[in-house]
Amino acid sequence: MAKAKKLTKPKVETVTITAGAGDNAVEVETLAATIVEIGKAAKKLSKSGLNRQGVLVLLKHHSGVPFREINLVLDGLEELEDKYCG
């Protein structure tokens, strides 16, 4: 049997990470804050007086996108914060 390697704690450094380049560069913290805001807005929409079916009908009528795809997007928007910032 092979001998197990001892795990060492990795060094932690503070770095600023950006997405994009030049004038389009955005710090990751800004992206994370935006993701949180979008997720909260989606949750707020789902708790509004308009039920899910009403939202689907309005979005389909306005965009022409099929109900199935709109449902996937709405589900994804509500899960953004947990998936990428949690």
PDB file of N, CA and C in Angstrom:
ATOM      1  N   MET A   1       0.847  -1.173   0.000  1.00  0.00           N
ATOM      2  CA  MET A   1       0.000   0.000   0.000  1.00  0.00           C
ATOM      3  C   MET A   1       0.891   1.234   0.000  1.00  0.00           C
ATOM      4  N   ALA A   2       0.520   2.224  -0.812  1.00  0.00           N
ATOM      5  CA  ALA A   2       1.295   3.459  -0.920  1.00  0.00           C
ATOM      6  C   ALA A   2       1.082   4.314   0.320  1.00  0.00           C
ATOM      7  N   LYS A   3       2.144   5.023   0.696  1.00  0.00           N
ATOM      8  CA  LYS A   3       2.077   5.905   1.856  1.00  0.00           C
ATOM      9  C   LYS A   3       1.309   7.175   1.499  1.00  0.00           C
ATOM     10  N   ALA A   4       0.377   7.572   2.366  1.00  0.00           N
ATOM     11  CA  ALA A   4      -0.421   8.770   2.115  1.00  0.00           C
ATOM     12  C   ALA A   4       0.440  10.012   2.249  1.00  0.00           C
ATOM     13  N   LYS A   5       0.211  10.973   1.356  1.00  0.00           N
ATOM     14  CA  LYS A   5       0.943  12.235   1.416  1.00  0.00           C
ATOM     15  C   LYS A   5       0.321  13.127   2.478  1.00  0.00           C
ATOM     16  N   LYS A   6       1.173  13.856   3.187  1.00  0.00           N
ATOM     17  CA  LYS A   6       0.687  14.795   4.188  1.00  0.00           C
ATOM     18  C   LYS A   6       0.182  16.045   3.473  1.00  0.00           C
ATOM     19  N   LEU A   7      -1.029  16.466   3.796  1.00  0.00           N
ATOM     20  CA  LEU A   7      -1.605  17.657   3.185  1.00  0.00           C
ATOM     21  C   LEU A   7      -1.044  18.896   3.859  1.00  0.00           C
ATOM     22  N   THR A   8      -0.687  19.871   3.054  1.00  0.00           N
ATOM     23  CA  THR A   8      -0.200  21.137   3.591  1.00  0.00           C
ATOM     24  C   THR A   8      -1.196  22.230   3.273  1.00  0.00           C
ATOM     25  N   LYS A   9      -1.245  23.217   4.145  1.00  0.00           N
ATOM     26  CA  LYS A   9      -2.162  24.338   3.949  1.00  0.00           C
ATOM     27  C   LYS A   9      -1.611  25.231   2.839  1.00  0.00           C
ATOM     28  N   PRO A  10      -2.430  25.567   1.842  1.00  0.00           N
ATOM     29  CA  PRO A  10      -1.945  26.418   0.752  1.00  0.00           C
ATOM     30  C   PRO A  10      -1.744  27.858   1.216  1.00  0.00           C
ATOM     31  N   LYS A  11      -0.828  28.549   0.555  1.00  0.00           N
ATOM     32  CA  LYS A  11      -0.622  29.967   0.835  1.00  0.00           C
ATOM     33  C   LYS A  11      -1.821  30.735   0.305  1.00  0.00           C
ATOM     34  N   VAL A  12      -2.251  31.727   1.051  1.00  0.00           N
ATOM     35  CA  VAL A  12      -3.377  32.552   0.620  1.00  0.00           C
ATOM     36  C   VAL A  12      -2.851  33.951   0.339  1.00  0.00           C
ATOM     37  N   GLU A  13      -3.103  34.423  -0.854  1.00  0.00           N
ATOM     38  CA  GLU A  13      -2.688  35.766  -1.242  1.00  0.00           C
ATOM     39  C   GLU A  13      -3.908  36.544  -1.708  1.00  0.00           C
ATOM     40  N   THR A  14      -3.872  37.843  -1.513  1.00  0.00           N
ATOM     41  CA  THR A  14      -4.955  38.692  -1.987  1.00  0.00           C
ATOM     42  C   THR A  14      -4.591  39.205  -3.365  1.00  0.00           C
ATOM     43  N   VAL A  15      -5.464  38.963  -4.309  1.00  0.00           N
ATOM     44  CA  VAL A  15      -5.245  39.439  -5.671  1.00  0.00           C
ATOM     45  C   VAL A  15      -6.535  40.047  -6.195  1.00  0.00           C
ATOM     46  N   THR A  16      -6.404  40.944  -7.127  1.00  0.00           N
ATOM     47  CA  THR A  16      -7.568  41.503  -7.796  1.00  0.00           C
ATOM     48  C   THR A  16      -7.709  40.793  -9.124  1.00  0.00           C
ATOM     49  N   ILE A  17      -8.827  40.168  -9.315  1.00  0.00           N
ATOM     50  CA  ILE A  17      -9.082  39.432 -10.549  1.00  0.00           C
ATOM     51  C   ILE A  17     -10.078  40.229 -11.368  1.00  0.00           C
ATOM     52  N   THR A  18      -9.808  40.359 -12.645  1.00  0.00           N
ATOM     53  CA  THR A  18     -10.734  41.071 -13.518  1.00  0.00           C
ATOM     54  C   THR A  18     -11.198  40.152 -14.626  1.00  0.00           C
ATOM     55  N   ALA A  19     -12.377  40.430 -15.103  1.00  0.00           N
ATOM     56  CA  ALA A  19     -12.923  39.709 -16.252  1.00  0.00           C
ATOM     57  C   ALA A  19     -12.995  40.703 -17.393  1.00  0.00           C
ATOM     58  N   GLY A  20     -12.564  40.310 -18.551  1.00  0.00           N
ATOM     59  CA  GLY A  20     -12.558  41.217 -19.695  1.00  0.00           C
ATOM     60  C   GLY A  20     -11.220  41.938 -19.786  1.00  0.00           C
ATOM     61  N   ALA A  21     -11.138  42.845 -20.723  1.00  0.00           N
ATOM     62  CA  ALA A  21      -9.889  43.567 -20.925  1.00  0.00           C
ATOM     63  C   ALA A  21     -10.180  45.028 -21.252  1.00  0.00           C
ATOM     64  N   GLY A  22      -9.206  45.875 -20.977  1.00  0.00           N
ATOM     65  CA  GLY A  22      -9.323  47.290 -21.324  1.00  0.00           C
ATOM     66  C   GLY A  22     -10.495  47.958 -20.641  1.00  0.00           C
ATOM     67  N   ASP A  23     -11.251  48.733 -21.403  1.00  0.00           N
ATOM     68  CA  ASP A  23     -12.403  49.461 -20.857  1.00  0.00           C
ATOM     69  C   ASP A  23     -13.521  48.535 -20.399  1.00  0.00           C
ATOM     70  N   ASN A  24     -13.505  47.299 -20.867  1.00  0.00           N
ATOM     71  CA  ASN A  24     -14.557  46.343 -20.511  1.00  0.00           C
ATOM     72  C   ASN A  24     -14.215  45.525 -19.267  1.00  0.00           C
ATOM     73  N   ALA A  25     -13.056  45.764 -18.659  1.00  0.00           N
ATOM     74  CA  ALA A  25     -12.642  44.993 -17.491  1.00  0.00           C
ATOM     75  C   ALA A  25     -13.549  45.306 -16.305  1.00  0.00           C
ATOM     76  N   VAL A  26     -13.940  44.252 -15.590  1.00  0.00           N
ATOM     77  CA  VAL A  26     -14.803  44.386 -14.420  1.00  0.00           C
ATOM     78  C   VAL A  26     -14.209  43.519 -13.324  1.00  0.00           C
ATOM     79  N   GLU A  27     -14.074  44.074 -12.117  1.00  0.00           N
ATOM     80  CA  GLU A  27     -13.557  43.283 -11.012  1.00  0.00           C
ATOM     81  C   GLU A  27     -14.555  42.202 -10.627  1.00  0.00           C
ATOM     82  N   VAL A  28     -14.028  41.069 -10.197  1.00  0.00           N
ATOM     83  CA  VAL A  28     -14.868  39.929  -9.844  1.00  0.00           C
ATOM     84  C   VAL A  28     -15.846  40.292  -8.728  1.00  0.00           C
ATOM     85  N   GLU A  29     -15.416  41.135  -7.776  1.00  0.00           N
ATOM     86  CA  GLU A  29     -16.320  41.538  -6.705  1.00  0.00           C
ATOM     87  C   GLU A  29     -17.543  42.264  -7.269  1.00  0.00           C
ATOM     88  N   THR A  30     -17.341  43.069  -8.307  1.00  0.00           N
ATOM     89  CA  THR A  30     -18.446  43.772  -8.948  1.00  0.00           C
ATOM     90  C   THR A  30     -19.378  42.779  -9.620  1.00  0.00           C
ATOM     91  N   LEU A  31     -18.802  41.785 -10.279  1.00  0.00           N
ATOM     92  CA  LEU A  31     -19.622  40.745 -10.908  1.00  0.00           C
ATOM     93  C   LEU A  31     -20.428  39.989  -9.857  1.00  0.00           C
ATOM     94  N   ALA A  32     -19.782  39.662  -8.754  1.00  0.00           N
ATOM     95  CA  ALA A  32     -20.477  38.925  -7.692  1.00  0.00           C
ATOM     96  C   ALA A  32     -21.633  39.750  -7.137  1.00  0.00           C
ATOM     97  N   ALA A  33     -21.408  41.044  -6.935  1.00  0.00           N
ATOM     98  CA  ALA A  33     -22.473  41.904  -6.416  1.00  0.00           C
ATOM     99  C   ALA A  33     -23.634  41.977  -7.402  1.00  0.00           C
ATOM    100  N   THR A  34     -23.319  42.027  -8.677  1.00  0.00           N
ATOM    101  CA  THR A  34     -24.362  42.072  -9.702  1.00  0.00           C
ATOM    102  C   THR A  34     -25.148  40.766  -9.730  1.00  0.00           C
ATOM    103  N   ILE A  35     -24.456  39.647  -9.604  1.00  0.00           N
ATOM    104  CA  ILE A  35     -25.117  38.338  -9.574  1.00  0.00           C
ATOM    105  C   ILE A  35     -26.082  38.267  -8.394  1.00  0.00           C
ATOM    106  N   VAL A  36     -25.649  38.764  -7.244  1.00  0.00           N
ATOM    107  CA  VAL A  36     -26.510  38.767  -6.055  1.00  0.00           C
ATOM    108  C   VAL A  36     -27.751  39.624  -6.309  1.00  0.00           C
ATOM    109  N   GLU A  37     -27.567  40.799  -6.894  1.00  0.00           N
ATOM    110  CA  GLU A  37     -28.693  41.689  -7.186  1.00  0.00           C
ATOM    111  C   GLU A  37     -29.685  41.046  -8.158  1.00  0.00           C
ATOM    112  N   ILE A  38     -29.183  40.394  -9.193  1.00  0.00           N
ATOM    113  CA  ILE A  38     -30.049  39.735 -10.173  1.00  0.00           C
ATOM    114  C   ILE A  38     -30.828  38.608  -9.503  1.00  0.00           C
ATOM    115  N   GLY A  39     -30.151  37.822  -8.688  1.00  0.00           N
ATOM    116  CA  GLY A  39     -30.816  36.732  -7.985  1.00  0.00           C
ATOM    117  C   GLY A  39     -31.919  37.230  -7.070  1.00  0.00           C
ATOM    118  N   LYS A  40     -31.637  38.322  -6.338  1.00  0.00           N
ATOM    119  CA  LYS A  40     -32.647  38.885  -5.442  1.00  0.00           C
ATOM    120  C   LYS A  40     -33.838  39.430  -6.227  1.00  0.00           C
ATOM    121  N   ALA A  41     -33.562  40.056  -7.371  1.00  0.00           N
ATOM    122  CA  ALA A  41     -34.649  40.588  -8.203  1.00  0.00           C
ATOM    123  C   ALA A  41     -35.525  39.452  -8.728  1.00  0.00           C
ATOM    124  N   ALA A  42     -34.911  38.350  -9.128  1.00  0.00           N
ATOM    125  CA  ALA A  42     -35.676  37.207  -9.629  1.00  0.00           C
ATOM    126  C   ALA A  42     -36.546  36.621  -8.521  1.00  0.00           C
ATOM    127  N   LYS A  43     -35.991  36.521  -7.312  1.00  0.00           N
ATOM    128  CA  LYS A  43     -36.769  36.006  -6.184  1.00  0.00           C
ATOM    129  C   LYS A  43     -37.919  36.954  -5.846  1.00  0.00           C
ATOM    130  N   LYS A  44     -37.648  38.254  -5.915  1.00  0.00           N
ATOM    131  CA  LYS A  44     -38.687  39.245  -5.637  1.00  0.00           C
ATOM    132  C   LYS A  44     -39.813  39.134  -6.664  1.00  0.00           C
ATOM    133  N   LEU A  45     -39.447  38.942  -7.940  1.00  0.00           N
ATOM    134  CA  LEU A  45     -40.442  38.776  -8.995  1.00  0.00           C
ATOM    135  C   LEU A  45     -41.322  37.565  -8.722  1.00  0.00           C
ATOM    136  N   SER A  46     -40.696  36.470  -8.287  1.00  0.00           N
ATOM    137  CA  SER A  46     -41.480  35.253  -8.040  1.00  0.00           C
ATOM    138  C   SER A  46     -42.405  35.396  -6.841  1.00  0.00           C
ATOM    139  N   LYS A  47     -42.090  36.328  -5.935  1.00  0.00           N
ATOM    140  CA  LYS A  47     -42.937  36.553  -4.760  1.00  0.00           C
ATOM    141  C   LYS A  47     -43.925  37.704  -4.958  1.00  0.00           C
ATOM    142  N   SER A  48     -43.895  38.321  -6.133  1.00  0.00           N
ATOM    143  CA  SER A  48     -44.805  39.435  -6.407  1.00  0.00           C
ATOM    144  C   SER A  48     -46.231  38.907  -6.555  1.00  0.00           C
ATOM    145  N   GLY A  49     -47.168  39.793  -6.746  1.00  0.00           N
ATOM    146  CA  GLY A  49     -48.566  39.385  -6.892  1.00  0.00           C
ATOM    147  C   GLY A  49     -48.842  38.616  -8.168  1.00  0.00           C
ATOM    148  N   LEU A  50     -47.950  38.707  -9.153  1.00  0.00           N
ATOM    149  CA  LEU A  50     -48.134  38.022 -10.427  1.00  0.00           C
ATOM    150  C   LEU A  50     -47.571  36.604 -10.313  1.00  0.00           C
ATOM    151  N   ASN A  51     -48.408  35.596 -10.574  1.00  0.00           N
ATOM    152  CA  ASN A  51     -47.919  34.227 -10.432  1.00  0.00           C
ATOM    153  C   ASN A  51     -46.969  33.846 -11.572  1.00  0.00           C
ATOM    154  N   ARG A  52     -46.325  32.717 -11.428  1.00  0.00           N
ATOM    155  CA  ARG A  52     -45.312  32.265 -12.389  1.00  0.00           C
ATOM    156  C   ARG A  52     -45.896  32.158 -13.798  1.00  0.00           C
ATOM    157  N   GLN A  53     -47.102  31.638 -13.920  1.00  0.00           N
ATOM    158  CA  GLN A  53     -47.725  31.485 -15.236  1.00  0.00           C
ATOM    159  C   GLN A  53     -47.948  32.843 -15.890  1.00  0.00           C
ATOM    160  N   GLY A  54     -48.333  33.840 -15.099  1.00  0.00           N
ATOM    161  CA  GLY A  54     -48.521  35.188 -15.632  1.00  0.00           C
ATOM    162  C   GLY A  54     -47.220  35.776 -16.160  1.00  0.00           C
ATOM    163  N   VAL A  55     -46.147  35.574 -15.411  1.00  0.00           N
ATOM    164  CA  VAL A  55     -44.827  36.050 -15.852  1.00  0.00           C
ATOM    165  C   VAL A  55     -44.440  35.357 -17.154  1.00  0.00           C
ATOM    166  N   LEU A  56     -44.669  34.045 -17.218  1.00  0.00           N
ATOM    167  CA  LEU A  56     -44.339  33.284 -18.428  1.00  0.00           C
ATOM    168  C   LEU A  56     -45.095  33.801 -19.648  1.00  0.00           C
ATOM    169  N   VAL A  57     -46.388  34.035 -19.476  1.00  0.00           N
ATOM    170  CA  VAL A  57     -47.210  34.510 -20.599  1.00  0.00           C
ATOM    171  C   VAL A  57     -46.726  35.874 -21.075  1.00  0.00           C
ATOM    172  N   LEU A  58     -46.462  36.781 -20.134  1.00  0.00           N
ATOM    173  CA  LEU A  58     -45.984  38.115 -20.515  1.00  0.00           C
ATOM    174  C   LEU A  58     -44.638  38.051 -21.247  1.00  0.00           C
ATOM    175  N   LEU A  59     -43.710  37.259 -20.715  1.00  0.00           N
ATOM    176  CA  LEU A  59     -42.392  37.159 -21.353  1.00  0.00           C
ATOM    177  C   LEU A  59     -42.467  36.477 -22.718  1.00  0.00           C
ATOM    178  N   LYS A  60     -43.297  35.434 -22.830  1.00  0.00           N
ATOM    179  CA  LYS A  60     -43.442  34.758 -24.122  1.00  0.00           C
ATOM    180  C   LYS A  60     -44.055  35.705 -25.147  1.00  0.00           C
ATOM    181  N   HIS A  61     -45.078  36.429 -24.746  1.00  0.00           N
ATOM    182  CA  HIS A  61     -45.739  37.361 -25.653  1.00  0.00           C
ATOM    183  C   HIS A  61     -44.772  38.449 -26.123  1.00  0.00           C
ATOM    184  N   HIS A  62     -43.987  38.952 -25.211  1.00  0.00           N
ATOM    185  CA  HIS A  62     -43.049  40.039 -25.545  1.00  0.00           C
ATOM    186  C   HIS A  62     -41.866  39.552 -26.376  1.00  0.00           C
ATOM    187  N   SER A  63     -41.352  38.357 -26.052  1.00  0.00           N
ATOM    188  CA  SER A  63     -40.103  37.901 -26.678  1.00  0.00           C
ATOM    189  C   SER A  63     -40.280  36.845 -27.765  1.00  0.00           C
ATOM    190  N   GLY A  64     -41.375  36.074 -27.696  1.00  0.00           N
ATOM    191  CA  GLY A  64     -41.545  34.981 -28.641  1.00  0.00           C
ATOM    192  C   GLY A  64     -40.752  33.735 -28.257  1.00  0.00           C
ATOM    193  N   VAL A  65     -40.084  33.775 -27.111  1.00  0.00           N
ATOM    194  CA  VAL A  65     -39.291  32.633 -26.632  1.00  0.00           C
ATOM    195  C   VAL A  65     -40.245  31.583 -26.058  1.00  0.00           C
ATOM    196  N   PRO A  66     -40.006  30.290 -26.323  1.00  0.00           N
ATOM    197  CA  PRO A  66     -40.899  29.239 -25.809  1.00  0.00           C
ATOM    198  C   PRO A  66     -40.949  29.204 -24.270  1.00  0.00           C
ATOM    199  N   PHE A  67     -42.093  28.774 -23.734  1.00  0.00           N
ATOM    200  CA  PHE A  67     -42.286  28.689 -22.289  1.00  0.00           C
ATOM    201  C   PHE A  67     -41.180  27.895 -21.603  1.00  0.00           C
ATOM    202  N   ARG A  68     -40.803  26.765 -22.195  1.00  0.00           N
ATOM    203  CA  ARG A  68     -39.788  25.888 -21.596  1.00  0.00           C
ATOM    204  C   ARG A  68     -38.491  26.646 -21.352  1.00  0.00           C
ATOM    205  N   GLU A  69     -38.066  27.416 -22.326  1.00  0.00           N
ATOM    206  CA  GLU A  69     -36.811  28.147 -22.205  1.00  0.00           C
ATOM    207  C   GLU A  69     -36.932  29.294 -21.201  1.00  0.00           C
ATOM    208  N   ILE A  70     -38.065  29.949 -21.162  1.00  0.00           N
ATOM    209  CA  ILE A  70     -38.279  31.020 -20.183  1.00  0.00           C
ATOM    210  C   ILE A  70     -38.234  30.436 -18.773  1.00  0.00           C
ATOM    211  N   ASN A  71     -38.863  29.277 -18.585  1.00  0.00           N
ATOM    212  CA  ASN A  71     -38.827  28.604 -17.278  1.00  0.00           C
ATOM    213  C   ASN A  71     -37.403  28.303 -16.844  1.00  0.00           C
ATOM    214  N   LEU A  72     -36.590  27.804 -17.770  1.00  0.00           N
ATOM    215  CA  LEU A  72     -35.191  27.498 -17.447  1.00  0.00           C
ATOM    216  C   LEU A  72     -34.431  28.754 -17.024  1.00  0.00           C
ATOM    217  N   VAL A  73     -34.659  29.847 -17.718  1.00  0.00           N
ATOM    218  CA  VAL A  73     -33.988  31.105 -17.388  1.00  0.00           C
ATOM    219  C   VAL A  73     -34.439  31.606 -16.018  1.00  0.00           C
ATOM    220  N   LEU A  74     -35.731  31.601 -15.759  1.00  0.00           N
ATOM    221  CA  LEU A  74     -36.237  32.062 -14.468  1.00  0.00           C
ATOM    222  C   LEU A  74     -35.690  31.210 -13.322  1.00  0.00           C
ATOM    223  N   ASP A  75     -35.653  29.899 -13.520  1.00  0.00           N
ATOM    224  CA  ASP A  75     -35.076  29.014 -12.506  1.00  0.00           C
ATOM    225  C   ASP A  75     -33.605  29.341 -12.287  1.00  0.00           C
ATOM    226  N   GLY A  76     -32.878  29.534 -13.374  1.00  0.00           N
ATOM    227  CA  GLY A  76     -31.458  29.847 -13.287  1.00  0.00           C
ATOM    228  C   GLY A  76     -31.187  31.163 -12.589  1.00  0.00           C
ATOM    229  N   LEU A  77     -32.007  32.167 -12.859  1.00  0.00           N
ATOM    230  CA  LEU A  77     -31.824  33.471 -12.220  1.00  0.00           C
ATOM    231  C   LEU A  77     -31.975  33.370 -10.707  1.00  0.00           C
ATOM    232  N   GLU A  78     -32.937  32.571 -10.263  1.00  0.00           N
ATOM    233  CA  GLU A  78     -33.152  32.418  -8.829  1.00  0.00           C
ATOM    234  C   GLU A  78     -32.022  31.652  -8.151  1.00  0.00           C
ATOM    235  N   GLU A  79     -31.281  30.838  -8.905  1.00  0.00           N
ATOM    236  CA  GLU A  79     -30.210  30.032  -8.342  1.00  0.00           C
ATOM    237  C   GLU A  79     -28.825  30.657  -8.486  1.00  0.00           C
ATOM    238  N   LEU A  80     -28.731  31.790  -9.158  1.00  0.00           N
ATOM    239  CA  LEU A  80     -27.430  32.408  -9.429  1.00  0.00           C
ATOM    240  C   LEU A  80     -26.591  32.633  -8.182  1.00  0.00           C
ATOM    241  N   GLU A  81     -27.172  33.293  -7.197  1.00  0.00           N
ATOM    242  CA  GLU A  81     -26.402  33.635  -5.994  1.00  0.00           C
ATOM    243  C   GLU A  81     -25.865  32.391  -5.304  1.00  0.00           C
ATOM    244  N   ASP A  82     -26.722  31.387  -5.106  1.00  0.00           N
ATOM    245  CA  ASP A  82     -26.296  30.161  -4.429  1.00  0.00           C
ATOM    246  C   ASP A  82     -25.211  29.437  -5.233  1.00  0.00           C
ATOM    247  N   LYS A  83     -25.341  29.435  -6.534  1.00  0.00           N
ATOM    248  CA  LYS A  83     -24.404  28.688  -7.372  1.00  0.00           C
ATOM    249  C   LYS A  83     -23.043  29.367  -7.503  1.00  0.00           C
ATOM    250  N   TYR A  84     -23.024  30.695  -7.655  1.00  0.00           N
ATOM    251  CA  TYR A  84     -21.778  31.377  -7.953  1.00  0.00           C
ATOM    252  C   TYR A  84     -21.212  32.227  -6.823  1.00  0.00           C
ATOM    253  N   CYS A  85     -22.006  32.514  -5.813  1.00  0.00           N
ATOM    254  CA  CYS A  85     -21.521  33.384  -4.732  1.00  0.00           C
ATOM    255  C   CYS A  85     -21.659  32.729  -3.354  1.00  0.00           C
ATOM    256  N   GLY A  86     -22.156  31.525  -3.329  1.00  0.00           N
ATOM    257  CA  GLY A  86     -22.444  30.878  -2.047  1.00  0.00           C
ATOM    258  C   GLY A  86     -21.314  30.141  -1.447  1.00  0.00           C
TER     259      GLY A  86
END
